[in-house]
C-alpha atoms as a PDB file:
ATOM      1  CA  UNK A   1      61.125  56.230 104.934  1.00  0.00           C
ATOM      2  CA  UNK A   2      64.596  55.388 103.712  1.00  0.00           C
ATOM      3  CA  UNK A   3      67.373  56.929 105.810  1.00  0.00           C
ATOM      4  CA  UNK A   4      70.664  58.058 104.279  1.00  0.00           C
ATOM      5  CA  UNK A   5      72.927  57.041 106.002  1.00  0.00           C
ATOM      6  CA  UNK A   6      72.618  54.861 109.073  1.00  0.00           C
ATOM      7  CA  UNK A   7      76.398  54.670 109.281  1.00  0.00           C
ATOM      8  CA  UNK A   8      76.417  58.323 110.352  1.00  0.00           C
ATOM      9  CA  UNK A   9      74.299  57.429 113.380  1.00  0.00           C
ATOM     10  CA  UNK A  10      76.499  54.446 114.238  1.00  0.00           C
ATOM     11  CA  UNK A  11      79.711  56.433 113.845  1.00  0.00           C
ATOM     12  CA  UNK A  12      78.407  59.190 116.086  1.00  0.00           C
ATOM     13  CA  UNK A  13      77.343  56.738 118.800  1.00  0.00           C
ATOM     14  CA  UNK A  14      80.716  54.991 118.522  1.00  0.00           C
ATOM     15  CA  UNK A  15      82.491  58.331 118.952  1.00  0.00           C
ATOM     16  CA  UNK A  16      80.925  58.534 122.415  1.00  0.00           C
ATOM     17  CA  UNK A  17      82.394  55.175 123.468  1.00  0.00           C
ATOM     18  CA  UNK A  18      83.534  55.432 127.074  1.00  0.00           C
ATOM     19  CA  UNK A  19      81.364  58.459 127.882  1.00  0.00           C
ATOM     20  CA  UNK A  20      78.394  58.307 130.221  1.00  0.00           C
ATOM     21  CA  UNK A  21      76.076  59.149 127.313  1.00  0.00           C
ATOM     22  CA  UNK A  22      77.197  56.365 124.973  1.00  0.00           C
ATOM     23  CA  UNK A  23      74.545  53.736 125.731  1.00  0.00           C
ATOM     24  CA  UNK A  24      71.668  56.206 126.034  1.00  0.00           C
ATOM     25  CA  UNK A  25      72.551  58.021 122.793  1.00  0.00           C
ATOM     26  CA  UNK A  26      73.030  54.741 120.921  1.00  0.00           C
ATOM     27  CA  UNK A  27      69.649  53.487 122.151  1.00  0.00           C
ATOM     28  CA  UNK A  28      67.932  56.775 121.265  1.00  0.00           C
ATOM     29  CA  UNK A  29      69.433  56.850 117.759  1.00  0.00           C
ATOM     30  CA  UNK A  30      68.555  53.191 117.152  1.00  0.00           C
ATOM     31  CA  UNK A  31      64.971  53.828 118.276  1.00  0.00           C
ATOM     32  CA  UNK A  32      64.722  56.941 116.078  1.00  0.00           C
ATOM     33  CA  UNK A  33      66.098  55.019 113.079  1.00  0.00           C
ATOM     34  CA  UNK A  34      63.617  52.150 113.406  1.00  0.00           C
ATOM     35  CA  UNK A  35      60.647  54.458 114.001  1.00  0.00           C
ATOM     36  CA  UNK A  36      61.450  56.656 111.018  1.00  0.00           C
ATOM     37  CA  UNK A  37      62.205  53.668 108.812  1.00  0.00           C
ATOM     38  CA  UNK A  38      58.627  52.468 109.396  1.00  0.00           C
ATOM     39  CA  UNK A  39      57.128  55.948 108.950  1.00  0.00           C
ATOM     40  CA  UNK A  40      55.225  57.169 105.906  1.00  0.00           C
ATOM     41  CA  UNK A  41      55.555  60.936 105.955  1.00  0.00           C
ATOM     42  CA  UNK A  42      53.868  63.006 103.278  1.00  0.00           C
ATOM     43  CA  UNK A  43      54.678  66.373 104.814  1.00  0.00           C
ATOM     44  CA  UNK A  44      55.773  68.183 107.969  1.00  0.00           C
ATOM     45  CA  UNK A  45      52.401  67.656 109.659  1.00  0.00           C
ATOM     46  CA  UNK A  46      52.968  63.889 109.606  1.00  0.00           C
ATOM     47  CA  UNK A  47      56.325  64.349 111.343  1.00  0.00           C
ATOM     48  CA  UNK A  48      54.904  66.576 114.089  1.00  0.00           C
ATOM     49  CA  UNK A  49      52.067  64.127 114.641  1.00  0.00           C
ATOM     50  CA  UNK A  50      54.620  61.516 115.775  1.00  0.00           C
ATOM     51  CA  UNK A  51      57.360  63.815 117.087  1.00  0.00           C
ATOM     52  CA  UNK A  52      55.708  66.729 118.865  1.00  0.00           C
ATOM     53  CA  UNK A  53      59.102  68.147 119.872  1.00  0.00           C
ATOM     54  CA  UNK A  54      60.519  68.075 116.342  1.00  0.00           C
ATOM     55  CA  UNK A  55      61.281  71.499 114.903  1.00  0.00           C
ATOM     56  CA  UNK A  56      60.246  72.021 111.303  1.00  0.00           C
ATOM     57  CA  UNK A  57      62.726  74.380 109.644  1.00  0.00           C
ATOM     58  CA  UNK A  58      61.496  75.201 106.155  1.00  0.00           C
ATOM     59  CA  UNK A  59      59.585  72.775 104.006  1.00  0.00           C
ATOM     60  CA  UNK A  60      62.123  69.956 104.182  1.00  0.00           C
ATOM     61  CA  UNK A  61      64.428  70.462 107.211  1.00  0.00           C
ATOM     62  CA  UNK A  62      63.620  68.859 110.538  1.00  0.00           C
ATOM     63  CA  UNK A  63      65.466  68.986 113.846  1.00  0.00           C
ATOM     64  CA  UNK A  64      64.940  66.093 116.249  1.00  0.00           C
ATOM     65  CA  UNK A  65      65.821  66.137 119.938  1.00  0.00           C
ATOM     66  CA  UNK A  66      67.890  63.115 120.943  1.00  0.00           C
ATOM     67  CA  UNK A  67      68.355  61.900 124.514  1.00  0.00           C
ATOM     68  CA  UNK A  68      66.160  64.453 126.196  1.00  0.00           C
ATOM     69  CA  UNK A  69      67.382  67.367 124.087  1.00  0.00           C
ATOM     70  CA  UNK A  70      71.058  66.797 124.983  1.00  0.00           C
ATOM     71  CA  UNK A  71      71.767  66.122 121.299  1.00  0.00           C
ATOM     72  CA  UNK A  72      70.226  67.331 118.063  1.00  0.00           C
ATOM     73  CA  UNK A  73      69.751  65.563 114.749  1.00  0.00           C
ATOM     74  CA  UNK A  74      69.197  67.670 111.624  1.00  0.00           C
ATOM     75  CA  UNK A  75      67.734  65.961 108.567  1.00  0.00           C
ATOM     76  CA  UNK A  76      66.610  66.946 105.107  1.00  0.00           C
ATOM     77  CA  UNK A  77      63.473  65.171 103.969  1.00  0.00           C
ATOM     78  CA  UNK A  78      62.278  64.325 100.477  1.00  0.00           C
ATOM     79  CA  UNK A  79      58.669  63.424 101.158  1.00  0.00           C
ATOM     80  CA  UNK A  80      57.894  62.491  97.559  1.00  0.00           C
ATOM     81  CA  UNK A  81      60.755  59.958  97.368  1.00  0.00           C
ATOM     82  CA  UNK A  82      60.334  58.955 101.033  1.00  0.00           C
ATOM     83  CA  UNK A  83      63.995  59.651 101.870  1.00  0.00           C
ATOM     84  CA  UNK A  84      65.533  61.228 104.977  1.00  0.00           C
ATOM     85  CA  UNK A  85      69.082  62.577 104.588  1.00  0.00           C
ATOM     86  CA  UNK A  86      71.090  63.066 107.769  1.00  0.00           C
ATOM     87  CA  UNK A  87      72.720  66.504 107.649  1.00  0.00           C
ATOM     88  CA  UNK A  88      74.117  67.042 111.139  1.00  0.00           C
ATOM     89  CA  UNK A  89      74.271  65.345 114.530  1.00  0.00           C
ATOM     90  CA  UNK A  90      75.841  66.719 117.681  1.00  0.00           C
ATOM     91  CA  UNK A  91      75.529  68.099 121.175  1.00  0.00           C
ATOM     92  CA  UNK A  92      72.972  70.767 121.883  1.00  0.00           C
ATOM     93  CA  UNK A  93      75.735  73.334 122.601  1.00  0.00           C
ATOM     94  CA  UNK A  94      77.310  72.736 119.154  1.00  0.00           C
ATOM     95  CA  UNK A  95      73.880  73.024 117.528  1.00  0.00           C
ATOM     96  CA  UNK A  96      73.691  76.647 118.638  1.00  0.00           C
ATOM     97  CA  UNK A  97      76.739  77.378 116.444  1.00  0.00           C
ATOM     98  CA  UNK A  98      75.397  76.033 113.138  1.00  0.00           C
ATOM     99  CA  UNK A  99      72.952  77.413 110.587  1.00  0.00           C
ATOM    100  CA  UNK A 100      70.348  74.688 110.665  1.00  0.00           C
ATOM    101  CA  UNK A 101      68.912  75.733 107.297  1.00  0.00           C
ATOM    102  CA  UNK A 102      72.178  75.279 105.385  1.00  0.00           C
ATOM    103  CA  UNK A 103      74.332  72.851 107.394  1.00  0.00           C
ATOM    104  CA  UNK A 104      75.620  69.910 105.374  1.00  0.00           C
ATOM    105  CA  UNK A 105      76.952  66.548 106.450  1.00  0.00           C
ATOM    106  CA  UNK A 106      80.557  66.933 107.487  1.00  0.00           C
ATOM    107  CA  UNK A 107      80.221  70.584 108.594  1.00  0.00           C
END
């Protein structure tokens, strides 16, 4: 899978610089990036097979738990083109305030 855009993950981890979560979140996001980059997903079932805790929201939206569910990562997936678009990344408390089905990067 091709991930658009890794910079979003890096910027988010960098924004936590100095916090107790910084290293753990950075490591979790790096691991997620490398795992998904090697993945070959053809549909939601393939995602759940590797990420049992992932939430499938519609046919193309997926929510991943990061760092033991302290953070959430929302992506839009184009299975045919093998592309994952990062839509939102934040703390679990902030996740409760968004509409996961419509949130866009930068919201």
